[in-house]
Amino acid sequence: MELKRVVVTGLGALTPIGNTKEEYWEGLISGKSGAAPITYYDTEKFKTKFACELKGFNATDFLDRKEARKMDKFAQYAMVASDEAIVDAGLNLDEVNKLRVGVIWGAGIGGLETFQQEVLNYAEGEGTPRFNPFFIPKMIADIAPANISIKHGFMGPNYTTVSACASSANAMFDALNSIRLGYCDVIVTGGSEAAVTIAGMGGFNAMHALSTRNESPETASRPFDGTRDGFVLGEGAGALILEEYEHAKARGAKIYAEVAGGGLSSDAYHMTAPHPEGVGVVEVMRNCLNNAGLKPEDIDHINTHGTSTPLGDVAELKAISKVFGDHAKSININSTKSMTGHLLGAAGAIEAISVILAMERGIVPPTINHTTVDENIDPELNLTLNKAQKRDVKVAMSNTFGFGGHNACMVFKKID
C-alpha cells in the first residue's frame, strides 16, 4: 500500500508569549519570557509563586458566554487555537467532506481546574453532594476535540491522546497515520493544557519538579544552564491542520511544510525521571528518522524537550550526540520552553509550530536565560543560546517526552 503524503496547511497558537500564531512567533524570535508572578490565586504558602500564564486572554472575546461557561479553560484554549488554524488553512467548511475530517487532540491532564473547584465546593458544603451538572463534561480530557467537532460538524475520528507531556506529539503522530493510510483528508490536531492551578502547582512542587526562582521568574526557565533548578509551568494551546497533499493542492491551499514522519518509544525506566543515558530518547529519534526515510545528516534543527530540569536536559543532549554523531555539532538545537515554560500536554504542538515557522522564515528561535556553562554538556553543541540565529532549515525535528517514560518525536521538511 502506498502511503499518502501529509502536509501542514494551518496553524493556531495561544501561548504565554502571544495569543495568536504571529504574536507567538514574534515572542519567540525576540527572546521574550512568559514567566511572571501568578495572578490566578494567592501564592503566599506555595514554594513556587510564578508561572507562564496567558496574558490578556478572555474566552468570551472568542466564544459565546454561555458556551464558554460549559468549558474548562483547557477546552476553551483548544477552541480558540483550532479556530485560528482552521481559518489559517482557508478551509471552506461548506465544501469539505466532513465525514473525512477528524479531530485528534492531546491533553496530559484535562479539566484540572474544574475538578479542583468541584471538590472544594463539596468540602465547603460540608459534604453535601451538589455537583455542577457540567462537572464531568467539563473535566474529561476528550471533551476538547468533541467540542471542536461539534462546532464544525467534523465526523471523522475524534479522540484525545493522553501521554503526559508527550500527548500532543502523540496526537500529531496519530493524525499523520490516519491521513497516510487514507482514512481522512484533513485532521485538526494539537493539544491544550490549563494546569496553572492550586492543585497543579502544589502537585508539581511536591515532586520538586518546578523552579523556585521566585526572585526572578523571567529567568527561571533556563534549559541547559548550569544553574537550572526545574521547569516553569505554562498553559495554552497549539493547533495544526494536517492534510493529504493532493487534497491540499487541489484546493490551492498554502502549504507550510510536509510532515515527514514520527516516532514513539518508552524509557521503561522510572515514573518521572528520564533514563540518565537517554536510552529511550535515542530510540525515539532513530524511529522517527526511519519512519521518515531520513538520515541523521538530513536534520538541520531540533527543538528539544529541554524542560530546564537537571537530569532531563543532559540525558536528551547525550542522546542527540549518540544519534547524530559529529553532525550533532552542525544542528541548531534549542528549547523554546525557555520562553513559554512547559505547556505539558500542549508542548508538542506549540513546539512543532515553532520548527515549522523556523523552516518557513529561515531563523531559529533562541534558548534564552543561559548564563552558566554546565560541564556535563558538550560545549561544541550549538544550543542557539540567548539570540535567534538565521538558518536555512530544510528539515526540523521536535522532541517531546512525558512522565512515565513516554517519548514522541516528529519531523517536518520543506515541501518539494
Protein backbone atom coordinates (compact mmCIF):
# COMPACT_ATOMS: atom_id res chain seq x y z
CA MET A 1 0.00 0.00 0.00
CA GLU A 2 1.37 3.36 -1.00
CA LEU A 3 1.29 5.86 1.86
CA LYS A 4 -0.18 9.26 1.14
CA ARG A 5 1.84 12.42 1.69
CA VAL A 6 0.75 14.66 4.55
CA VAL A 7 1.27 18.41 4.79
CA VAL A 8 0.58 21.23 7.26
CA THR A 9 -1.83 23.85 5.92
CA GLY A 10 -2.93 25.76 9.03
CA LEU A 11 -1.51 26.86 12.38
CA GLY A 12 -3.01 28.34 15.54
CA ALA A 13 -1.31 29.25 18.80
CA LEU A 14 -2.41 30.53 22.20
CA THR A 15 0.66 30.85 24.41
CA PRO A 16 2.16 32.75 27.36
CA ILE A 17 4.18 34.88 24.91
CA GLY A 18 1.47 35.55 22.33
CA ASN A 19 -2.22 34.83 21.77
CA THR A 20 -2.00 34.19 18.03
CA LYS A 21 0.40 32.35 15.75
CA GLU A 22 2.09 35.59 14.70
CA GLU A 23 2.31 37.01 18.24
CA TYR A 24 3.77 33.70 19.40
CA TRP A 25 6.39 33.78 16.65
CA GLU A 26 7.36 37.39 17.42
CA GLY A 27 7.73 36.44 21.08
CA LEU A 28 9.99 33.53 20.17
CA ILE A 29 12.27 35.47 17.86
CA SER A 30 12.62 38.38 20.28
CA GLY A 31 13.52 36.05 23.17
CA LYS A 32 10.51 37.02 25.27
CA SER A 33 9.90 35.30 28.60
CA GLY A 34 6.31 34.43 29.50
CA ALA A 35 7.06 33.86 33.19
CA ALA A 36 5.61 36.20 35.82
CA PRO A 37 4.01 36.07 39.29
CA ILE A 38 0.81 34.01 39.34
CA THR A 39 -2.39 36.06 39.23
CA TYR A 40 -4.97 33.27 39.46
CA TYR A 41 -4.77 32.63 43.22
CA ASP A 42 -2.91 33.60 46.39
CA THR A 43 0.56 32.01 46.25
CA GLU A 44 1.72 33.02 49.73
CA LYS A 45 2.01 29.44 51.01
CA PHE A 46 3.42 27.94 47.80
CA LYS A 47 7.08 27.20 47.14
CA THR A 48 6.75 28.45 43.56
CA LYS A 49 4.89 31.71 43.11
CA PHE A 50 5.17 32.19 39.36
CA ALA A 51 4.23 30.51 36.10
CA CYS A 52 3.76 31.22 32.40
CA GLU A 53 0.11 32.30 32.33
CA LEU A 54 -1.71 33.56 29.25
CA LYS A 55 -1.72 37.37 29.07
CA GLY A 56 -4.80 39.42 28.20
CA PHE A 57 -6.88 36.39 27.26
CA ASN A 58 -10.64 36.50 27.70
CA ALA A 59 -12.54 33.46 26.44
CA THR A 60 -15.70 35.46 25.77
CA ASP A 61 -13.82 37.51 23.17
CA PHE A 62 -13.94 34.33 21.08
CA LEU A 63 -16.74 32.17 22.49
CA ASP A 64 -20.36 32.75 23.39
CA ARG A 65 -20.53 33.45 27.13
CA LYS A 66 -22.99 30.63 27.78
CA GLU A 67 -20.88 28.13 25.84
CA ALA A 68 -17.65 29.28 27.50
CA ARG A 69 -19.15 28.59 30.94
CA LYS A 70 -19.67 24.97 29.93
CA MET A 71 -15.96 24.52 29.21
CA ASP A 72 -12.89 24.19 31.38
CA LYS A 73 -10.05 26.52 30.39
CA PHE A 74 -8.18 23.75 28.59
CA ALA A 75 -11.16 23.23 26.27
CA GLN A 76 -11.61 26.98 25.75
CA TYR A 77 -7.96 27.19 24.73
CA ALA A 78 -8.44 24.30 22.29
CA MET A 79 -11.40 26.01 20.66
CA VAL A 80 -9.56 29.30 20.18
CA ALA A 81 -6.34 27.80 18.78
CA SER A 82 -8.17 25.37 16.48
CA ASP A 83 -10.39 28.13 15.12
CA GLU A 84 -7.30 30.15 14.23
CA ALA A 85 -5.75 27.14 12.50
CA ILE A 86 -8.91 26.38 10.51
CA VAL A 87 -9.11 29.98 9.30
CA ASP A 88 -5.37 29.99 8.56
CA ALA A 89 -5.80 26.85 6.43
CA GLY A 90 -8.51 28.52 4.37
CA LEU A 91 -10.78 25.50 4.74
CA ASN A 92 -14.18 26.05 3.12
CA LEU A 93 -16.41 24.30 5.64
CA ASP A 94 -19.31 24.29 3.20
CA GLU A 95 -17.34 22.31 0.61
CA VAL A 96 -15.08 19.98 2.61
CA ASN A 97 -16.31 16.40 3.12
CA LYS A 98 -16.82 16.48 6.88
CA LEU A 99 -17.05 12.69 7.02
CA ARG A 100 -13.33 12.70 6.21
CA VAL A 101 -12.29 15.44 8.62
CA GLY A 102 -11.23 14.34 12.10
CA VAL A 103 -10.02 15.89 15.34
CA ILE A 104 -7.21 14.17 17.26
CA TRP A 105 -6.15 16.23 20.27
CA GLY A 106 -3.68 15.91 23.12
CA ALA A 107 -4.13 16.78 26.80
CA GLY A 108 -1.95 15.50 29.61
CA ILE A 109 -4.38 16.34 32.40
CA GLY A 110 -7.57 17.90 31.05
CA GLY A 111 -10.01 19.84 33.22
CA LEU A 112 -7.93 20.12 36.37
CA GLU A 113 -9.35 23.47 37.47
CA THR A 114 -12.92 22.16 37.11
CA PHE A 115 -12.10 19.06 39.16
CA GLN A 116 -10.36 21.17 41.80
CA GLN A 117 -13.24 23.63 42.12
CA GLU A 118 -15.95 20.99 42.37
CA VAL A 119 -14.10 19.12 45.12
CA LEU A 120 -13.50 22.38 47.04
CA ASN A 121 -17.19 23.26 46.69
CA TYR A 122 -18.11 19.84 48.07
CA ALA A 123 -15.78 20.30 51.05
CA GLU A 124 -17.08 23.79 51.78
CA GLY A 125 -20.63 22.49 51.58
CA GLU A 126 -19.90 20.13 54.48
CA GLY A 127 -20.14 17.05 52.33
CA THR A 128 -23.41 17.86 50.59
CA PRO A 129 -23.15 16.37 47.09
CA ARG A 130 -24.37 19.31 45.00
CA PHE A 131 -22.14 19.00 41.97
CA ASN A 132 -22.50 21.08 38.84
CA PRO A 133 -24.20 19.04 36.08
CA PHE A 134 -21.38 20.15 33.75
CA PHE A 135 -18.69 18.86 36.14
CA ILE A 136 -17.91 15.65 34.25
CA PRO A 137 -18.33 17.01 30.68
CA LYS A 138 -16.06 19.96 31.55
CA MET A 139 -13.40 17.80 33.19
CA ILE A 140 -12.88 14.84 30.86
CA ALA A 141 -9.84 15.13 28.61
CA ASP A 142 -11.67 14.06 25.44
CA ILE A 143 -14.12 16.97 25.58
CA ALA A 144 -11.77 19.37 23.76
CA PRO A 145 -11.85 17.54 20.39
CA ALA A 146 -15.53 16.78 20.96
CA ASN A 147 -16.31 20.49 21.21
CA ILE A 148 -14.25 21.24 18.09
CA SER A 149 -16.06 18.59 16.05
CA ILE A 150 -19.49 19.61 17.34
CA LYS A 151 -18.91 23.25 16.40
CA HIS A 152 -17.79 22.45 12.86
CA GLY A 153 -19.61 19.18 12.16
CA PHE A 154 -16.42 17.15 11.64
CA MET A 155 -17.46 13.49 11.64
CA GLY A 156 -14.13 11.71 11.17
CA PRO A 157 -12.10 10.13 14.02
CA ASN A 158 -12.38 12.12 17.22
CA TYR A 159 -10.43 11.42 20.40
CA THR A 160 -7.78 12.59 22.85
CA THR A 161 -4.33 11.13 23.33
CA VAL A 162 -3.01 11.15 26.91
CA SER A 163 0.71 10.52 27.41
CA ALA A 164 1.59 13.28 29.88
CA CYS A 165 3.81 15.90 28.23
CA ALA A 166 4.05 13.87 25.01
CA SER A 167 0.27 13.99 24.49
CA SER A 168 0.01 16.44 21.59
CA ALA A 169 3.01 14.90 19.81
CA ASN A 170 1.22 11.55 20.07
CA ALA A 171 -1.89 13.23 18.65
CA MET A 172 0.07 14.56 15.68
CA PHE A 173 1.57 11.13 15.00
CA ASP A 174 -1.88 9.53 15.06
CA ALA A 175 -3.19 12.27 12.77
CA LEU A 176 -0.29 11.70 10.37
CA ASN A 177 -1.04 7.98 10.18
CA SER A 178 -4.80 8.47 9.76
CA ILE A 179 -4.16 10.55 6.65
CA ARG A 180 -1.24 8.46 5.38
CA LEU A 181 -3.41 5.36 5.41
CA GLY A 182 -6.24 7.07 3.57
CA TYR A 183 -8.78 7.21 6.40
CA CYS A 184 -9.08 11.00 6.36
CA ASP A 185 -8.39 14.01 4.16
CA VAL A 186 -7.94 16.52 6.98
CA ILE A 187 -7.21 16.28 10.70
CA VAL A 188 -7.35 19.11 13.22
CA THR A 189 -4.65 18.17 15.71
CA GLY A 190 -2.62 19.69 18.53
CA GLY A 191 -3.06 19.99 22.27
CA SER A 192 -4.10 22.21 25.15
CA GLU A 193 -3.48 22.43 28.88
CA ALA A 194 -4.57 24.66 31.78
CA ALA A 195 -2.79 23.36 34.87
CA VAL A 196 -1.73 26.65 36.50
CA THR A 197 -3.99 25.93 39.46
CA ILE A 198 -3.67 25.29 43.18
CA ALA A 199 -3.66 21.54 42.55
CA GLY A 200 -1.31 21.70 39.58
CA MET A 201 1.30 23.92 41.18
CA GLY A 202 1.02 22.20 44.53
CA GLY A 203 1.40 18.77 43.00
CA PHE A 204 4.43 19.64 40.89
CA ASN A 205 6.02 21.45 43.84
CA ALA A 206 5.57 18.32 45.96
CA MET A 207 7.59 16.42 43.34
CA HIS A 208 10.34 19.08 43.43
CA ALA A 209 9.83 19.45 39.67
CA LEU A 210 9.36 23.24 39.49
CA SER A 211 11.87 26.04 39.65
CA THR A 212 11.64 28.12 42.83
CA ARG A 213 13.48 31.14 41.44
CA ASN A 214 10.79 33.46 42.83
CA GLU A 215 13.08 36.48 42.90
CA SER A 216 13.49 36.37 39.10
CA PRO A 217 10.64 34.50 37.38
CA GLU A 218 11.51 35.69 33.89
CA THR A 219 14.91 33.96 34.08
CA ALA A 220 13.73 30.80 35.84
CA SER A 221 13.27 28.63 32.76
CA ARG A 222 16.89 28.12 31.75
CA PRO A 223 17.38 24.89 29.78
CA PHE A 224 20.97 23.63 29.57
CA ASP A 225 22.18 26.24 32.06
CA GLY A 226 24.40 25.05 34.90
CA THR A 227 22.14 26.70 37.50
CA ARG A 228 18.78 25.35 36.27
CA ASP A 229 16.54 24.13 39.10
CA GLY A 230 13.36 22.84 37.50
CA PHE A 231 10.75 23.71 34.91
CA VAL A 232 8.28 26.59 34.81
CA LEU A 233 4.64 25.60 34.33
CA GLY A 234 2.86 27.11 31.33
CA GLU A 235 -0.59 26.98 29.78
CA GLY A 236 -2.22 27.41 26.40
CA ALA A 237 -2.80 25.53 23.16
CA GLY A 238 -1.33 24.79 19.76
CA ALA A 239 -3.29 23.61 16.72
CA LEU A 240 -2.20 22.30 13.33
CA ILE A 241 -4.24 21.37 10.27
CA LEU A 242 -2.77 18.23 8.73
CA GLU A 243 -3.99 17.48 5.23
CA GLU A 244 -3.45 14.95 2.48
CA TYR A 245 -1.10 16.54 -0.06
CA GLU A 246 -3.26 16.09 -3.17
CA HIS A 247 -6.33 17.34 -1.30
CA ALA A 248 -4.45 20.46 -0.23
CA LYS A 249 -3.05 21.02 -3.72
CA ALA A 250 -6.46 20.62 -5.36
CA ARG A 251 -7.95 23.43 -3.29
CA GLY A 252 -4.92 25.68 -3.72
CA ALA A 253 -4.02 25.67 -0.03
CA LYS A 254 -0.90 27.33 1.33
CA ILE A 255 1.46 24.56 2.48
CA TYR A 256 3.77 25.31 5.41
CA ALA A 257 5.67 22.03 5.43
CA GLU A 258 5.45 18.32 4.84
CA VAL A 259 5.06 16.01 7.83
CA ALA A 260 7.93 13.68 7.03
CA GLY A 261 7.36 11.20 9.83
CA GLY A 262 7.21 10.45 13.52
CA GLY A 263 8.39 8.03 16.13
CA LEU A 264 7.44 6.68 19.56
CA SER A 265 9.31 4.83 22.30
CA SER A 266 9.33 4.20 26.02
CA ASP A 267 12.09 4.60 28.59
CA ALA A 268 10.69 1.68 30.61
CA TYR A 269 12.72 3.09 33.48
CA HIS A 270 11.00 5.32 36.07
CA MET A 271 7.69 7.03 36.84
CA THR A 272 9.09 10.52 36.43
CA ALA A 273 12.87 10.52 35.89
CA PRO A 274 14.39 10.09 32.42
CA HIS A 275 16.93 7.36 31.78
CA PRO A 276 20.27 9.05 32.60
CA GLU A 277 21.80 7.94 29.29
CA GLY A 278 18.70 8.85 27.27
CA VAL A 279 18.19 5.27 26.03
CA GLY A 280 14.53 5.75 25.13
CA VAL A 281 15.26 9.14 23.59
CA VAL A 282 17.88 7.58 21.31
CA GLU A 283 15.31 5.05 20.15
CA VAL A 284 12.53 7.58 19.52
CA MET A 285 14.75 9.77 17.34
CA ARG A 286 16.01 6.74 15.39
CA ASN A 287 12.43 5.51 14.99
CA CYS A 288 11.41 8.93 13.72
CA LEU A 289 14.23 9.13 11.18
CA ASN A 290 13.47 5.61 9.93
CA ASN A 291 9.76 6.38 9.66
CA ALA A 292 10.54 9.49 7.63
CA GLY A 293 13.13 7.78 5.43
CA LEU A 294 15.76 10.32 6.52
CA LYS A 295 19.41 10.09 7.57
CA PRO A 296 20.84 11.81 10.66
CA GLU A 297 22.78 14.26 8.50
CA ASP A 298 19.50 15.49 6.94
CA ILE A 299 18.47 17.25 10.16
CA ASP A 300 19.17 20.99 10.40
CA HIS A 301 17.29 21.91 13.57
CA ILE A 302 15.97 20.18 16.71
CA ASN A 303 13.57 21.77 19.18
CA THR A 304 14.37 19.69 22.25
CA HIS A 305 12.08 18.71 25.07
CA GLY A 306 14.53 20.76 27.15
CA THR A 307 12.43 21.46 30.22
CA SER A 308 15.18 23.00 32.38
CA THR A 309 15.45 20.08 34.79
CA PRO A 310 18.90 18.96 35.99
CA LEU A 311 18.55 15.37 34.76
CA GLY A 312 16.40 15.68 31.66
CA ASP A 313 18.41 18.26 29.72
CA VAL A 314 21.68 16.34 30.00
CA ALA A 315 20.09 12.99 29.10
CA GLU A 316 18.48 14.43 25.97
CA LEU A 317 21.67 16.07 24.72
CA LYS A 318 23.61 12.84 25.31
CA ALA A 319 21.01 11.04 23.19
CA ILE A 320 21.29 13.63 20.41
CA SER A 321 25.06 13.21 20.33
CA LYS A 322 24.67 9.44 20.15
CA VAL A 323 22.13 9.50 17.31
CA PHE A 324 23.71 12.25 15.21
CA GLY A 325 27.41 11.78 15.96
CA ASP A 326 29.63 14.59 14.64
CA HIS A 327 26.67 16.04 12.72
CA ALA A 328 25.11 16.98 16.08
CA LYS A 329 27.55 19.91 16.19
CA SER A 330 26.08 21.26 12.94
CA ILE A 331 22.47 21.22 14.15
CA ASN A 332 20.73 24.28 15.57
CA ILE A 333 19.45 22.86 18.86
CA ASN A 334 17.11 24.93 21.03
CA SER A 335 14.47 24.83 23.74
CA THR A 336 11.57 27.24 23.33
CA LYS A 337 10.39 26.24 26.81
CA SER A 338 12.91 28.81 28.00
CA MET A 339 10.31 31.36 26.83
CA THR A 340 6.92 29.65 27.02
CA GLY A 341 7.51 27.48 30.06
CA HIS A 342 6.29 23.89 29.91
CA LEU A 343 2.78 23.55 28.49
CA LEU A 344 2.62 19.85 29.43
CA GLY A 345 0.18 18.16 27.01
CA ALA A 346 0.27 21.16 24.65
CA ALA A 347 4.08 21.33 24.47
CA GLY A 348 4.50 19.11 21.41
CA ALA A 349 2.03 21.16 19.38
CA ILE A 350 3.39 24.62 20.09
CA GLU A 351 6.96 23.40 19.60
CA ALA A 352 6.04 21.79 16.28
CA ILE A 353 4.65 25.17 15.23
CA SER A 354 7.97 26.75 16.19
CA VAL A 355 10.04 24.41 13.98
CA ILE A 356 7.61 24.77 11.07
CA LEU A 357 7.85 28.56 11.21
CA ALA A 358 11.64 28.34 11.61
CA MET A 359 11.72 26.45 8.30
CA GLU A 360 9.38 28.89 6.59
CA ARG A 361 11.17 32.02 7.81
CA GLY A 362 14.80 30.95 7.91
CA ILE A 363 15.52 31.73 11.53
CA VAL A 364 15.78 29.55 14.66
CA PRO A 365 14.40 30.92 17.96
CA PRO A 366 16.86 31.10 20.86
CA THR A 367 17.26 29.25 24.11
CA ILE A 368 17.15 32.21 26.50
CA ASN A 369 18.42 32.68 30.06
CA HIS A 370 21.71 30.87 29.59
CA THR A 371 24.44 32.34 31.77
CA THR A 372 26.39 29.42 33.25
CA VAL A 373 28.11 26.54 31.48
CA ASP A 374 27.11 23.02 32.55
CA GLU A 375 30.23 20.87 32.48
CA ASN A 376 28.08 17.81 31.72
CA ILE A 377 27.03 19.28 28.34
CA ASP A 378 29.20 19.09 25.21
CA PRO A 379 30.41 22.66 24.60
CA GLU A 380 30.56 22.05 20.83
CA LEU A 381 26.79 21.68 20.53
CA ASN A 382 25.05 24.75 19.12
CA LEU A 383 22.26 25.35 21.63
CA THR A 384 21.21 28.63 19.95
CA LEU A 385 21.91 30.48 23.15
CA ASN A 386 20.22 33.79 24.03
CA LYS A 387 19.76 35.07 20.48
CA ALA A 388 17.88 33.82 17.40
CA GLN A 389 20.10 32.55 14.58
CA LYS A 390 19.46 32.76 10.85
CA ARG A 391 19.50 29.32 9.27
CA ASP A 392 18.17 27.75 6.09
CA VAL A 393 16.23 24.96 7.77
CA LYS A 394 15.16 22.27 5.31
CA VAL A 395 14.38 19.51 7.84
CA ALA A 396 13.49 20.01 11.50
CA MET A 397 12.72 17.69 14.41
CA SER A 398 10.66 18.24 17.55
CA ASN A 399 11.18 16.09 20.68
CA THR A 400 8.55 15.67 23.38
CA PHE A 401 8.74 13.39 26.43
CA GLY A 402 6.31 12.65 29.25
CA PHE A 403 6.27 11.33 32.81
CA GLY A 404 6.06 7.56 32.67
CA GLY A 405 8.79 7.39 30.02
CA HIS A 406 6.59 8.31 27.04
CA ASN A 407 8.73 9.59 24.15
CA ALA A 408 7.41 11.10 20.92
CA CYS A 409 9.27 12.72 18.05
CA MET A 410 8.01 14.45 14.89
CA VAL A 411 10.00 15.57 11.86
CA PHE A 412 8.96 18.13 9.25
CA LYS A 413 10.56 19.15 5.98
CA LYS A 414 10.20 21.83 3.35
CA ILE A 415 7.79 20.78 0.65
CA ASP A 416 9.39 19.58 -2.60
